[in-house]
Amino acid sequence: MQRLYYPDPAILWRVLSYLGLVGQEEPDITIVATVVYVTPVDGQGDTLTMVVDGQEQHRWSVRCIRLWEQDAQDTLAAGNPSRLVRVPVCASQ
């Protein structure tokens, strides 16, 4: 099976950049982002932390879905059609 995705070490920075750009254009709307990691190798975490001289200056968290942690049977039983796209990946883990 050919891999159609790749690990992106800058994904959290990219998502935060997109949130910032959308927020500048639409400052009055709520913006929500979720990163979906397909395999553990792809996972880059869910938090960016900036530390200066050993002191945390900033922390940004992004909601993440880790497909290898999802159960295909639970996904099917949930009855939510939007979750069905995950079933083949969940079942193959």
Protein backbone atom coordinates (compact mmCIF):
# COMPACT_ATOMS: atom_id res chain seq x y z
CA MET A 1 0.00 0.00 0.00
CA GLN A 2 1.46 3.33 -1.06
CA ARG A 3 1.73 5.94 1.67
CA LEU A 4 -0.14 9.10 0.62
CA TYR A 5 0.84 11.21 3.58
CA TYR A 6 4.08 12.20 5.25
CA PRO A 7 5.25 13.34 8.68
CA ASP A 8 5.33 17.13 8.94
CA PRO A 9 7.58 18.29 11.78
CA ALA A 10 6.18 21.82 11.46
CA ILE A 11 2.48 20.89 11.47
CA LEU A 12 1.72 22.60 14.80
CA TRP A 13 3.43 25.79 13.66
CA ARG A 14 1.55 25.60 10.37
CA VAL A 15 -1.82 25.16 12.11
CA LEU A 16 -1.13 28.05 14.49
CA SER A 17 -0.10 30.22 11.53
CA TYR A 18 -3.35 29.40 9.70
CA LEU A 19 -5.35 30.19 12.84
CA GLY A 20 -3.58 33.53 13.10
CA LEU A 21 -4.20 34.40 9.46
CA VAL A 22 -7.89 33.51 9.64
CA GLY A 23 -8.22 35.39 12.94
CA GLN A 24 -6.79 38.52 11.36
CA GLU A 25 -9.36 38.38 8.56
CA GLU A 26 -12.30 37.32 10.76
CA PRO A 27 -11.56 38.58 14.31
CA ASP A 28 -15.13 38.04 15.54
CA ILE A 29 -15.53 34.35 14.72
CA THR A 30 -14.55 31.29 16.72
CA ILE A 31 -11.85 29.28 14.96
CA VAL A 32 -11.34 25.60 15.74
CA ALA A 33 -8.54 23.37 14.46
CA THR A 34 -7.89 19.66 14.81
CA VAL A 35 -4.80 17.77 13.63
CA VAL A 36 -5.30 14.13 12.63
CA TYR A 37 -2.26 11.89 13.02
CA VAL A 38 -2.52 8.64 11.04
CA THR A 39 0.33 6.68 12.67
CA PRO A 40 2.55 7.19 15.74
CA VAL A 41 5.49 7.95 13.42
CA ASP A 42 3.56 10.93 12.06
CA GLY A 43 2.65 12.38 15.45
CA GLN A 44 4.27 15.68 16.34
CA GLY A 45 2.43 16.13 19.63
CA ASP A 46 -0.28 18.60 20.50
CA THR A 47 1.55 21.44 22.25
CA LEU A 48 4.15 24.03 21.30
CA THR A 49 6.03 25.47 24.25
CA MET A 50 8.40 28.43 24.08
CA VAL A 51 11.03 28.51 26.85
CA VAL A 52 13.54 31.30 27.45
CA ASP A 53 16.25 30.87 30.08
CA GLY A 54 14.39 27.89 31.52
CA GLN A 55 11.11 29.78 31.94
CA GLU A 56 8.03 29.00 29.92
CA GLN A 57 6.94 32.09 28.01
CA HIS A 58 4.17 30.73 25.79
CA ARG A 59 2.20 27.50 25.39
CA TRP A 60 -0.15 26.71 22.52
CA SER A 61 -2.20 23.52 22.33
CA VAL A 62 -3.99 22.08 19.33
CA ARG A 63 -6.68 19.39 19.49
CA CYS A 64 -5.38 16.13 18.02
CA ILE A 65 -6.91 12.84 16.91
CA ARG A 66 -4.53 9.90 16.93
CA LEU A 67 -6.10 7.29 14.67
CA TRP A 68 -4.11 4.40 16.16
CA GLU A 69 -5.85 5.12 19.48
CA GLN A 70 -9.32 4.84 17.93
CA ASP A 71 -11.29 1.60 17.90
CA ALA A 72 -13.10 0.76 14.65
CA GLN A 73 -15.96 -1.02 16.45
CA ASP A 74 -16.55 1.96 18.77
CA THR A 75 -16.52 4.27 15.77
CA LEU A 76 -19.13 2.15 13.98
CA ALA A 77 -21.27 1.83 17.11
CA ALA A 78 -21.31 5.60 17.64
CA GLY A 79 -23.68 5.97 14.68
CA ASN A 80 -22.12 9.29 13.66
CA PRO A 81 -21.65 9.29 9.84
CA SER A 82 -18.83 11.83 10.04
CA ARG A 83 -16.72 9.34 12.03
CA LEU A 84 -17.09 6.56 9.45
CA VAL A 85 -14.20 7.87 7.35
CA ARG A 86 -11.86 6.71 10.12
CA VAL A 87 -13.03 3.09 10.21
CA PRO A 88 -10.66 1.66 7.51
CA VAL A 89 -7.64 3.26 9.18
CA CYS A 90 -8.70 2.28 12.71
CA ALA A 91 -9.36 -1.28 11.63
CA SER A 92 -5.99 -1.64 9.91
CA GLN A 93 -3.97 -0.73 12.99
